[in-house]
Amino acid sequence: MMTIVGAPLRRVLARVGAQEDLNFLLTNRLPRRLATRFMGWFSRIEQPLVRDVSIATWRLFCDVDLSDARDAGFPSLHAAFIRALRPGARPIAADPTILTSPSDAILGAHGRIEAGRLFQIKGLSYRLADLLGDDADLARAHEGGSYATLRLTAGMYHRFHAPHDLQVESVRHIWGDTWNVNPIALKRVEGLFCRNERAVLRLRLATGGHAVSLVPVAAILVAGLRLGFLPEGTALRRTNGRRLPCSAHLRKGDEMGWFEHGSTIVVLTPPGFALCPTLREGARLRMGEPLMYLPGAPEPHSR
């Protein structure tokens, strides 16, 4: 009996493995930078037929919901990617003891930062200092704190917002590759987030003065990152990794910036923060929903 049952199971597993191999091959073994530059050019074409076919193809392969977009029509695929929301489309958890999700996302690896390491997927960890561009001081500031990995799929709303009332203290751009950040790649590429292009945003919360960091990570077809709170004309890629001091004050839910396709945000906190206990890996979050409790927040059952 075990042989009869085992053979079909092995075939299913082999089929799944073959599909993963094909996915990894198609999204990571092609010239990633070239493909990303091409998509950046192609998605901005405002010719109606190109736009309509592009958006239709995107919706065919991705779970796209444009019903909550601010605008009813889009001049290009790029405009649809970076669409703004209509007012009130994302209610913001106003409780000052709650750190909200900065974006629509699927919750990935999360937990406690221990011995300077965190997980990109179960069984595969990486050094926090590597993610932060060898910033050992900042890594130590987050030791013992919490982290949450938020993955934005291609069809999701791509802008991200302030998770609390805060001041942006600095921004640092770090050059890197454009590996796909889907679960298949996360299982196969060690330290993937530390390899890709990214930015480190150092934030100071208005409540308690806690220092929190957001690390938006680029991916294939999405090496573009725009930060609306920086002075107009700031070109992150021309800063050569310098830390840019900042004094922007944002209210919880204010827009911070956007990806130009889909990607990942790693949320890093100091000790004392706790992930909302109802959240599990794979949970879908909408921007503004509770993500973590600040230190000293009442127990969830007492709310």
C-alpha atoms as a PDB file:
ATOM      1  CA  MET A   1       0.000   0.000   0.000  1.00  0.00           C
ATOM      2  CA  MET A   2       2.763   2.452   0.889  1.00  0.00           C
ATOM      3  CA  THR A   3       4.368   1.811  -2.503  1.00  0.00           C
ATOM      4  CA  ILE A   4       1.080   2.413  -4.343  1.00  0.00           C
ATOM      5  CA  VAL A   5       0.375   5.620  -2.421  1.00  0.00           C
ATOM      6  CA  GLY A   6       3.989   6.742  -2.477  1.00  0.00           C
ATOM      7  CA  ALA A   7       4.404   6.625  -6.260  1.00  0.00           C
ATOM      8  CA  PRO A   8       1.645   9.180  -7.036  1.00  0.00           C
ATOM      9  CA  LEU A   9       2.899  11.359  -4.204  1.00  0.00           C
ATOM     10  CA  ARG A  10       6.413  11.304  -5.613  1.00  0.00           C
ATOM     11  CA  ARG A  11       5.042  12.263  -9.039  1.00  0.00           C
ATOM     12  CA  VAL A  12       3.120  15.196  -7.536  1.00  0.00           C
ATOM     13  CA  LEU A  13       6.212  16.380  -5.658  1.00  0.00           C
ATOM     14  CA  ALA A  14       8.324  16.026  -8.791  1.00  0.00           C
ATOM     15  CA  ARG A  15       5.766  18.061 -10.760  1.00  0.00           C
ATOM     16  CA  VAL A  16       5.761  20.793  -8.116  1.00  0.00           C
ATOM     17  CA  GLY A  17       9.564  20.806  -8.115  1.00  0.00           C
ATOM     18  CA  ALA A  18       9.625  21.106 -11.906  1.00  0.00           C
ATOM     19  CA  GLN A  19       7.202  24.043 -11.778  1.00  0.00           C
ATOM     20  CA  GLU A  20       9.382  25.765  -9.179  1.00  0.00           C
ATOM     21  CA  ASP A  21      12.467  25.152 -11.332  1.00  0.00           C
ATOM     22  CA  LEU A  22      10.715  26.709 -14.340  1.00  0.00           C
ATOM     23  CA  ASN A  23       9.496  29.690 -12.301  1.00  0.00           C
ATOM     24  CA  PHE A  24      12.966  30.294 -10.898  1.00  0.00           C
ATOM     25  CA  LEU A  25      14.527  29.939 -14.358  1.00  0.00           C
ATOM     26  CA  LEU A  26      12.122  32.348 -16.036  1.00  0.00           C
ATOM     27  CA  THR A  27      12.296  35.037 -13.343  1.00  0.00           C
ATOM     28  CA  ASN A  28      15.936  34.862 -12.273  1.00  0.00           C
ATOM     29  CA  ARG A  29      18.105  33.389 -15.035  1.00  0.00           C
ATOM     30  CA  LEU A  30      17.262  36.029 -17.595  1.00  0.00           C
ATOM     31  CA  PRO A  31      19.226  39.337 -17.600  1.00  0.00           C
ATOM     32  CA  ARG A  32      17.500  40.875 -14.584  1.00  0.00           C
ATOM     33  CA  ARG A  33      18.762  44.427 -14.946  1.00  0.00           C
ATOM     34  CA  LEU A  34      18.035  44.475 -18.671  1.00  0.00           C
ATOM     35  CA  ALA A  35      14.510  43.146 -18.119  1.00  0.00           C
ATOM     36  CA  THR A  36      13.942  45.712 -15.384  1.00  0.00           C
ATOM     37  CA  ARG A  37      15.101  48.604 -17.570  1.00  0.00           C
ATOM     38  CA  PHE A  38      12.927  47.350 -20.431  1.00  0.00           C
ATOM     39  CA  MET A  39       9.846  47.135 -18.206  1.00  0.00           C
ATOM     40  CA  GLY A  40      10.557  50.611 -16.871  1.00  0.00           C
ATOM     41  CA  TRP A  41      10.486  51.929 -20.462  1.00  0.00           C
ATOM     42  CA  PHE A  42       7.666  49.785 -21.823  1.00  0.00           C
ATOM     43  CA  SER A  43       5.263  50.328 -18.917  1.00  0.00           C
ATOM     44  CA  ARG A  44       5.348  54.107 -19.496  1.00  0.00           C
ATOM     45  CA  ILE A  45       4.162  53.933 -23.119  1.00  0.00           C
ATOM     46  CA  GLU A  46       0.935  55.941 -23.319  1.00  0.00           C
ATOM     47  CA  GLN A  47      -0.307  54.594 -26.643  1.00  0.00           C
ATOM     48  CA  PRO A  48      -3.920  53.389 -26.013  1.00  0.00           C
ATOM     49  CA  LEU A  49      -3.601  49.955 -27.640  1.00  0.00           C
ATOM     50  CA  VAL A  50      -0.287  49.181 -25.880  1.00  0.00           C
ATOM     51  CA  ARG A  51      -1.764  50.406 -22.583  1.00  0.00           C
ATOM     52  CA  ASP A  52      -4.970  48.361 -22.922  1.00  0.00           C
ATOM     53  CA  VAL A  53      -3.213  45.133 -23.935  1.00  0.00           C
ATOM     54  CA  SER A  54      -0.599  45.581 -21.184  1.00  0.00           C
ATOM     55  CA  ILE A  55      -3.152  46.165 -18.435  1.00  0.00           C
ATOM     56  CA  ALA A  56      -5.310  43.279 -19.691  1.00  0.00           C
ATOM     57  CA  THR A  57      -2.295  40.930 -19.659  1.00  0.00           C
ATOM     58  CA  TRP A  58      -1.332  42.118 -16.175  1.00  0.00           C
ATOM     59  CA  ARG A  59      -4.859  41.452 -14.894  1.00  0.00           C
ATOM     60  CA  LEU A  60      -4.899  38.033 -16.579  1.00  0.00           C
ATOM     61  CA  PHE A  61      -1.836  36.820 -14.669  1.00  0.00           C
ATOM     62  CA  CYS A  62      -2.207  38.777 -11.412  1.00  0.00           C
ATOM     63  CA  ASP A  63      -4.942  39.299  -8.873  1.00  0.00           C
ATOM     64  CA  VAL A  64      -5.544  42.989  -9.565  1.00  0.00           C
ATOM     65  CA  ASP A  65      -8.288  45.087  -7.963  1.00  0.00           C
ATOM     66  CA  LEU A  66      -8.549  48.604  -9.365  1.00  0.00           C
ATOM     67  CA  SER A  67     -11.930  49.350  -7.796  1.00  0.00           C
ATOM     68  CA  ASP A  68     -10.387  51.363  -4.953  1.00  0.00           C
ATOM     69  CA  ALA A  69      -8.164  53.480  -7.215  1.00  0.00           C
ATOM     70  CA  ARG A  70      -8.528  57.249  -7.078  1.00  0.00           C
ATOM     71  CA  ASP A  71      -8.679  57.538 -10.868  1.00  0.00           C
ATOM     72  CA  ALA A  72     -11.014  55.618 -13.150  1.00  0.00           C
ATOM     73  CA  GLY A  73      -8.572  55.433 -16.068  1.00  0.00           C
ATOM     74  CA  PHE A  74      -4.817  55.272 -16.567  1.00  0.00           C
ATOM     75  CA  PRO A  75      -2.648  56.655 -19.381  1.00  0.00           C
ATOM     76  CA  SER A  76      -0.181  53.737 -19.132  1.00  0.00           C
ATOM     77  CA  LEU A  77       0.558  50.441 -17.410  1.00  0.00           C
ATOM     78  CA  HIS A  78       3.009  52.298 -15.165  1.00  0.00           C
ATOM     79  CA  ALA A  79       0.269  54.673 -14.005  1.00  0.00           C
ATOM     80  CA  ALA A  80      -1.890  51.684 -13.072  1.00  0.00           C
ATOM     81  CA  PHE A  81       1.032  50.091 -11.163  1.00  0.00           C
ATOM     82  CA  ILE A  82       1.594  53.164  -9.013  1.00  0.00           C
ATOM     83  CA  ARG A  83      -2.084  54.143  -8.697  1.00  0.00           C
ATOM     84  CA  ALA A  84      -3.208  56.226  -5.748  1.00  0.00           C
ATOM     85  CA  LEU A  85      -6.212  55.212  -3.649  1.00  0.00           C
ATOM     86  CA  ARG A  86      -9.498  57.037  -3.378  1.00  0.00           C
ATOM     87  CA  PRO A  87      -9.971  58.750   0.016  1.00  0.00           C
ATOM     88  CA  GLY A  88     -11.118  56.369   2.755  1.00  0.00           C
ATOM     89  CA  ALA A  89     -10.163  53.195   0.855  1.00  0.00           C
ATOM     90  CA  ARG A  90      -7.800  52.120   3.661  1.00  0.00           C
ATOM     91  CA  PRO A  91      -9.022  52.841   7.215  1.00  0.00           C
ATOM     92  CA  ILE A  92      -6.050  53.567   9.504  1.00  0.00           C
ATOM     93  CA  ALA A  93      -5.898  52.065  13.010  1.00  0.00           C
ATOM     94  CA  ALA A  94      -5.676  55.281  15.034  1.00  0.00           C
ATOM     95  CA  ASP A  95      -4.636  53.704  18.371  1.00  0.00           C
ATOM     96  CA  PRO A  96      -1.194  55.224  19.218  1.00  0.00           C
ATOM     97  CA  THR A  97      -0.084  51.927  20.784  1.00  0.00           C
ATOM     98  CA  ILE A  98      -0.365  50.205  17.387  1.00  0.00           C
ATOM     99  CA  LEU A  99       2.206  50.194  14.586  1.00  0.00           C
ATOM    100  CA  THR A 100       0.257  49.666  11.384  1.00  0.00           C
ATOM    101  CA  SER A 101       1.219  47.876   8.202  1.00  0.00           C
ATOM    102  CA  PRO A 102       2.875  50.417   5.871  1.00  0.00           C
ATOM    103  CA  SER A 103       1.507  48.672   2.784  1.00  0.00           C
ATOM    104  CA  ASP A 104      -0.826  46.087   1.388  1.00  0.00           C
ATOM    105  CA  ALA A 105       1.166  42.877   1.721  1.00  0.00           C
ATOM    106  CA  ILE A 106       1.431  39.194   2.515  1.00  0.00           C
ATOM    107  CA  LEU A 107       3.137  38.591   5.852  1.00  0.00           C
ATOM    108  CA  GLY A 108       6.303  36.550   5.409  1.00  0.00           C
ATOM    109  CA  ALA A 109       9.013  35.627   7.887  1.00  0.00           C
ATOM    110  CA  HIS A 110       8.710  37.439  11.201  1.00  0.00           C
ATOM    111  CA  GLY A 111       9.813  37.110  14.805  1.00  0.00           C
ATOM    112  CA  ARG A 112      12.600  38.227  17.113  1.00  0.00           C
ATOM    113  CA  ILE A 113      15.985  39.504  15.951  1.00  0.00           C
ATOM    114  CA  GLU A 114      18.530  37.300  17.726  1.00  0.00           C
ATOM    115  CA  ALA A 115      22.335  37.277  17.501  1.00  0.00           C
ATOM    116  CA  GLY A 116      22.100  39.804  14.692  1.00  0.00           C
ATOM    117  CA  ARG A 117      20.129  37.482  12.426  1.00  0.00           C
ATOM    118  CA  LEU A 118      16.621  37.142  11.066  1.00  0.00           C
ATOM    119  CA  PHE A 119      14.946  34.781   8.617  1.00  0.00           C
ATOM    120  CA  GLN A 120      14.030  35.384   4.996  1.00  0.00           C
ATOM    121  CA  ILE A 121      12.174  32.064   4.981  1.00  0.00           C
ATOM    122  CA  LYS A 122      11.981  29.140   7.401  1.00  0.00           C
ATOM    123  CA  GLY A 123      15.410  27.530   7.789  1.00  0.00           C
ATOM    124  CA  LEU A 124      17.332  30.245   5.955  1.00  0.00           C
ATOM    125  CA  SER A 125      18.599  33.244   7.927  1.00  0.00           C
ATOM    126  CA  TYR A 126      20.720  36.283   7.093  1.00  0.00           C
ATOM    127  CA  ARG A 127      22.714  38.941   8.933  1.00  0.00           C
ATOM    128  CA  LEU A 128      20.835  42.108   9.764  1.00  0.00           C
ATOM    129  CA  ALA A 129      24.029  44.158   9.325  1.00  0.00           C
ATOM    130  CA  ASP A 130      24.244  42.908   5.724  1.00  0.00           C
ATOM    131  CA  LEU A 131      20.685  44.047   5.035  1.00  0.00           C
ATOM    132  CA  LEU A 132      21.537  47.473   6.489  1.00  0.00           C
ATOM    133  CA  GLY A 133      24.640  47.897   4.349  1.00  0.00           C
ATOM    134  CA  ASP A 134      27.134  46.923   7.079  1.00  0.00           C
ATOM    135  CA  ASP A 135      25.649  49.430   9.527  1.00  0.00           C
ATOM    136  CA  ALA A 136      26.667  47.587  12.701  1.00  0.00           C
ATOM    137  CA  ASP A 137      25.437  50.341  15.021  1.00  0.00           C
ATOM    138  CA  LEU A 138      21.943  50.279  13.585  1.00  0.00           C
ATOM    139  CA  ALA A 139      21.922  46.475  13.665  1.00  0.00           C
ATOM    140  CA  ARG A 140      22.800  46.552  17.377  1.00  0.00           C
ATOM    141  CA  ALA A 141      19.986  49.044  18.014  1.00  0.00           C
ATOM    142  CA  HIS A 142      17.518  46.472  16.690  1.00  0.00           C
ATOM    143  CA  GLU A 143      19.029  43.475  18.514  1.00  0.00           C
ATOM    144  CA  GLY A 144      16.297  41.731  20.490  1.00  0.00           C
ATOM    145  CA  GLY A 145      13.628  43.657  18.630  1.00  0.00           C
ATOM    146  CA  SER A 146      10.965  42.383  16.267  1.00  0.00           C
ATOM    147  CA  TYR A 147      10.881  42.141  12.494  1.00  0.00           C
ATOM    148  CA  ALA A 148       8.198  41.506   9.911  1.00  0.00           C
ATOM    149  CA  THR A 149       8.691  40.816   6.208  1.00  0.00           C
ATOM    150  CA  LEU A 150       5.925  42.254   4.039  1.00  0.00           C
ATOM    151  CA  ARG A 151       5.739  41.034   0.429  1.00  0.00           C
ATOM    152  CA  LEU A 152       3.846  43.066  -2.136  1.00  0.00           C
ATOM    153  CA  THR A 153       2.628  40.979  -5.059  1.00  0.00           C
ATOM    154  CA  ALA A 154       2.495  42.359  -8.597  1.00  0.00           C
ATOM    155  CA  GLY A 155      -1.229  43.065  -8.449  1.00  0.00           C
ATOM    156  CA  MET A 156      -1.311  44.851  -5.107  1.00  0.00           C
ATOM    157  CA  TYR A 157      -1.520  48.536  -4.331  1.00  0.00           C
ATOM    158  CA  HIS A 158       2.141  49.575  -4.472  1.00  0.00           C
ATOM    159  CA  ARG A 159       2.400  52.712  -2.373  1.00  0.00           C
ATOM    160  CA  PHE A 160       3.538  52.583   1.232  1.00  0.00           C
ATOM    161  CA  HIS A 161       2.633  54.821   4.135  1.00  0.00           C
ATOM    162  CA  ALA A 162       3.785  55.946   7.566  1.00  0.00           C
ATOM    163  CA  PRO A 163       3.017  53.186  10.110  1.00  0.00           C
ATOM    164  CA  HIS A 164       2.769  55.735  12.940  1.00  0.00           C
ATOM    165  CA  ASP A 165       3.108  59.451  13.618  1.00  0.00           C
ATOM    166  CA  LEU A 166       6.828  59.880  13.055  1.00  0.00           C
ATOM    167  CA  GLN A 167       9.840  61.785  11.842  1.00  0.00           C
ATOM    168  CA  VAL A 168      12.002  60.388   9.061  1.00  0.00           C
ATOM    169  CA  GLU A 169      15.545  60.887  10.385  1.00  0.00           C
ATOM    170  CA  SER A 170      17.553  59.601   7.438  1.00  0.00           C
ATOM    171  CA  VAL A 171      17.467  57.687   4.184  1.00  0.00           C
ATOM    172  CA  ARG A 172      20.243  55.574   2.700  1.00  0.00           C
ATOM    173  CA  HIS A 173      20.150  53.972  -0.731  1.00  0.00           C
ATOM    174  CA  ILE A 174      22.116  50.734  -1.237  1.00  0.00           C
ATOM    175  CA  TRP A 175      22.897  49.472  -4.732  1.00  0.00           C
ATOM    176  CA  GLY A 176      22.219  45.839  -5.530  1.00  0.00           C
ATOM    177  CA  ASP A 177      20.763  43.225  -7.841  1.00  0.00           C
ATOM    178  CA  THR A 178      17.115  42.660  -8.805  1.00  0.00           C
ATOM    179  CA  TRP A 179      16.402  39.041  -7.859  1.00  0.00           C
ATOM    180  CA  ASN A 180      12.757  38.023  -7.731  1.00  0.00           C
ATOM    181  CA  VAL A 181      11.556  38.068  -4.110  1.00  0.00           C
ATOM    182  CA  ASN A 182       8.846  35.414  -4.399  1.00  0.00           C
ATOM    183  CA  PRO A 183       8.906  32.382  -2.040  1.00  0.00           C
ATOM    184  CA  ILE A 184      10.558  30.169  -4.659  1.00  0.00           C
ATOM    185  CA  ALA A 185      13.552  32.501  -4.915  1.00  0.00           C
ATOM    186  CA  LEU A 186      13.659  33.014  -1.146  1.00  0.00           C
ATOM    187  CA  LYS A 187      14.166  29.257  -0.704  1.00  0.00           C
ATOM    188  CA  ARG A 188      17.032  29.158  -3.199  1.00  0.00           C
ATOM    189  CA  VAL A 189      19.023  32.395  -2.906  1.00  0.00           C
ATOM    190  CA  GLU A 190      20.856  32.883   0.372  1.00  0.00           C
ATOM    191  CA  GLY A 191      20.737  36.429   1.753  1.00  0.00           C
ATOM    192  CA  LEU A 192      18.507  37.522  -1.103  1.00  0.00           C
ATOM    193  CA  PHE A 193      17.306  40.766   0.503  1.00  0.00           C
ATOM    194  CA  CYS A 194      20.945  41.678   1.203  1.00  0.00           C
ATOM    195  CA  ARG A 195      21.785  41.263  -2.499  1.00  0.00           C
ATOM    196  CA  ASN A 196      19.007  43.397  -3.971  1.00  0.00           C
ATOM    197  CA  GLU A 197      18.824  47.144  -4.352  1.00  0.00           C
ATOM    198  CA  ARG A 198      17.186  48.684  -1.290  1.00  0.00           C
ATOM    199  CA  ALA A 199      16.858  51.713   0.951  1.00  0.00           C
ATOM    200  CA  VAL A 200      17.130  52.051   4.725  1.00  0.00           C
ATOM    201  CA  LEU A 201      14.651  54.501   6.248  1.00  0.00           C
ATOM    202  CA  ARG A 202      15.359  55.414   9.872  1.00  0.00           C
ATOM    203  CA  LEU A 203      12.218  56.619  11.659  1.00  0.00           C
ATOM    204  CA  ARG A 204      11.523  58.108  15.090  1.00  0.00           C
ATOM    205  CA  LEU A 205       8.007  57.473  16.415  1.00  0.00           C
ATOM    206  CA  ALA A 206       6.106  60.304  18.072  1.00  0.00           C
ATOM    207  CA  THR A 207       4.917  57.957  20.826  1.00  0.00           C
ATOM    208  CA  GLY A 208       7.785  56.924  23.104  1.00  0.00           C
ATOM    209  CA  GLY A 209      10.479  58.150  20.719  1.00  0.00           C
ATOM    210  CA  HIS A 210      11.097  54.586  19.539  1.00  0.00           C
ATOM    211  CA  ALA A 211      13.543  54.144  16.626  1.00  0.00           C
ATOM    212  CA  VAL A 212      12.027  51.981  13.876  1.00  0.00           C
ATOM    213  CA  SER A 213      13.509  51.170  10.465  1.00  0.00           C
ATOM    214  CA  LEU A 214      11.823  50.329   7.177  1.00  0.00           C
ATOM    215  CA  VAL A 215      13.849  48.625   4.458  1.00  0.00           C
ATOM    216  CA  PRO A 216      12.071  48.680   1.076  1.00  0.00           C
ATOM    217  CA  VAL A 217      13.736  46.036  -1.134  1.00  0.00           C
ATOM    218  CA  ALA A 218      13.562  46.179  -4.927  1.00  0.00           C
ATOM    219  CA  ALA A 219      13.052  43.168  -7.180  1.00  0.00           C
ATOM    220  CA  ILE A 220      13.085  42.180 -10.827  1.00  0.00           C
ATOM    221  CA  LEU A 221      11.049  44.664 -12.919  1.00  0.00           C
ATOM    222  CA  VAL A 222      10.906  46.995  -9.886  1.00  0.00           C
ATOM    223  CA  ALA A 223      14.228  48.646  -9.185  1.00  0.00           C
ATOM    224  CA  GLY A 224      12.430  51.983  -9.042  1.00  0.00           C
ATOM    225  CA  LEU A 225      11.691  53.471  -5.613  1.00  0.00           C
ATOM    226  CA  ARG A 226      10.208  56.929  -5.085  1.00  0.00           C
ATOM    227  CA  LEU A 227      10.106  58.724  -1.720  1.00  0.00           C
ATOM    228  CA  GLY A 228       7.722  61.639  -1.694  1.00  0.00           C
ATOM    229  CA  PHE A 229       9.019  63.216   1.511  1.00  0.00           C
ATOM    230  CA  LEU A 230      12.493  63.893   0.055  1.00  0.00           C
ATOM    231  CA  PRO A 231      13.200  67.234  -1.645  1.00  0.00           C
ATOM    232  CA  GLU A 232      12.005  67.321  -5.228  1.00  0.00           C
ATOM    233  CA  GLY A 233      14.709  66.178  -7.619  1.00  0.00           C
ATOM    234  CA  THR A 234      16.543  63.936  -5.135  1.00  0.00           C
ATOM    235  CA  ALA A 235      18.023  61.022  -7.094  1.00  0.00           C
ATOM    236  CA  LEU A 236      18.636  58.156  -4.666  1.00  0.00           C
ATOM    237  CA  ARG A 237      20.824  56.251  -7.100  1.00  0.00           C
ATOM    238  CA  ARG A 238      23.225  59.171  -7.344  1.00  0.00           C
ATOM    239  CA  THR A 239      23.869  59.403  -3.602  1.00  0.00           C
ATOM    240  CA  ASN A 240      26.572  56.678  -3.666  1.00  0.00           C
ATOM    241  CA  GLY A 241      25.295  55.084  -0.466  1.00  0.00           C
ATOM    242  CA  ARG A 242      25.526  58.271   1.596  1.00  0.00           C
ATOM    243  CA  ARG A 243      23.061  58.664   4.441  1.00  0.00           C
ATOM    244  CA  LEU A 244      20.738  61.568   3.710  1.00  0.00           C
ATOM    245  CA  PRO A 245      19.638  63.431   6.863  1.00  0.00           C
ATOM    246  CA  CYS A 246      15.930  64.176   6.889  1.00  0.00           C
ATOM    247  CA  SER A 247      13.453  66.021   9.084  1.00  0.00           C
ATOM    248  CA  ALA A 248      10.153  65.115   7.429  1.00  0.00           C
ATOM    249  CA  HIS A 249       7.263  64.754   9.882  1.00  0.00           C
ATOM    250  CA  LEU A 250       4.462  62.415   8.820  1.00  0.00           C
ATOM    251  CA  ARG A 251       1.168  61.445  10.370  1.00  0.00           C
ATOM    252  CA  LYS A 252       0.112  57.811  10.574  1.00  0.00           C
ATOM    253  CA  GLY A 253      -1.193  56.821   7.138  1.00  0.00           C
ATOM    254  CA  ASP A 254       0.559  59.619   5.233  1.00  0.00           C
ATOM    255  CA  GLU A 255       2.084  58.442   1.974  1.00  0.00           C
ATOM    256  CA  MET A 256       5.841  57.840   2.084  1.00  0.00           C
ATOM    257  CA  GLY A 257       6.553  56.582  -1.415  1.00  0.00           C
ATOM    258  CA  TRP A 258       5.955  53.781  -3.869  1.00  0.00           C
ATOM    259  CA  PHE A 259       7.434  50.848  -5.720  1.00  0.00           C
ATOM    260  CA  GLU A 260       7.035  50.756  -9.463  1.00  0.00           C
ATOM    261  CA  HIS A 261       5.821  47.152  -9.554  1.00  0.00           C
ATOM    262  CA  GLY A 262       5.862  44.964  -6.425  1.00  0.00           C
ATOM    263  CA  SER A 263       8.458  44.062  -3.858  1.00  0.00           C
ATOM    264  CA  THR A 264       9.168  43.719  -0.124  1.00  0.00           C
ATOM    265  CA  ILE A 265       9.371  45.896   2.969  1.00  0.00           C
ATOM    266  CA  VAL A 266      11.237  44.642   6.042  1.00  0.00           C
ATOM    267  CA  VAL A 267       9.982  46.330   9.225  1.00  0.00           C
ATOM    268  CA  LEU A 268      12.528  46.476  12.087  1.00  0.00           C
ATOM    269  CA  THR A 269      11.818  47.595  15.641  1.00  0.00           C
ATOM    270  CA  PRO A 270      13.781  47.896  18.899  1.00  0.00           C
ATOM    271  CA  PRO A 271      13.045  45.514  21.805  1.00  0.00           C
ATOM    272  CA  GLY A 272       9.583  45.589  23.347  1.00  0.00           C
ATOM    273  CA  PHE A 273       7.461  45.553  20.193  1.00  0.00           C
ATOM    274  CA  ALA A 274       5.222  42.523  19.627  1.00  0.00           C
ATOM    275  CA  LEU A 275       3.565  41.262  16.465  1.00  0.00           C
ATOM    276  CA  CYS A 276      -0.226  41.218  16.711  1.00  0.00           C
ATOM    277  CA  PRO A 277      -0.970  37.683  17.988  1.00  0.00           C
ATOM    278  CA  THR A 278      -3.749  37.097  15.455  1.00  0.00           C
ATOM    279  CA  LEU A 279      -1.296  37.374  12.535  1.00  0.00           C
ATOM    280  CA  ARG A 280       0.284  34.305  10.976  1.00  0.00           C
ATOM    281  CA  GLU A 281       2.703  33.834   8.096  1.00  0.00           C
ATOM    282  CA  GLY A 282       0.767  34.052   4.844  1.00  0.00           C
ATOM    283  CA  ALA A 283      -1.796  36.477   6.263  1.00  0.00           C
ATOM    284  CA  ARG A 284      -2.918  39.218   3.905  1.00  0.00           C
ATOM    285  CA  LEU A 285      -2.655  42.716   5.301  1.00  0.00           C
ATOM    286  CA  ARG A 286      -3.997  46.011   4.039  1.00  0.00           C
ATOM    287  CA  MET A 287      -2.207  49.255   4.605  1.00  0.00           C
ATOM    288  CA  GLY A 288      -3.295  50.800   7.911  1.00  0.00           C
ATOM    289  CA  GLU A 289      -4.217  47.532   9.620  1.00  0.00           C
ATOM    290  CA  PRO A 290      -2.515  46.630  12.943  1.00  0.00           C
ATOM    291  CA  LEU A 291       0.894  44.993  12.569  1.00  0.00           C
ATOM    292  CA  MET A 292       2.630  45.350  15.961  1.00  0.00           C
ATOM    293  CA  TYR A 293       1.995  46.656  19.461  1.00  0.00           C
ATOM    294  CA  LEU A 294       4.324  49.254  20.929  1.00  0.00           C
ATOM    295  CA  PRO A 295       6.055  48.537  24.257  1.00  0.00           C
ATOM    296  CA  GLY A 296       3.688  48.880  27.191  1.00  0.00           C
ATOM    297  CA  ALA A 297       0.541  48.415  25.111  1.00  0.00           C
ATOM    298  CA  PRO A 298      -2.329  46.637  26.913  1.00  0.00           C
ATOM    299  CA  GLU A 299      -2.670  42.924  26.336  1.00  0.00           C
ATOM    300  CA  PRO A 300      -4.890  42.268  23.280  1.00  0.00           C
ATOM    301  CA  HIS A 301      -7.572  40.499  25.347  1.00  0.00           C
ATOM    302  CA  SER A 302      -7.924  43.571  27.585  1.00  0.00           C
ATOM    303  CA  ARG A 303      -8.796  45.879  24.694  1.00  0.00           C
END
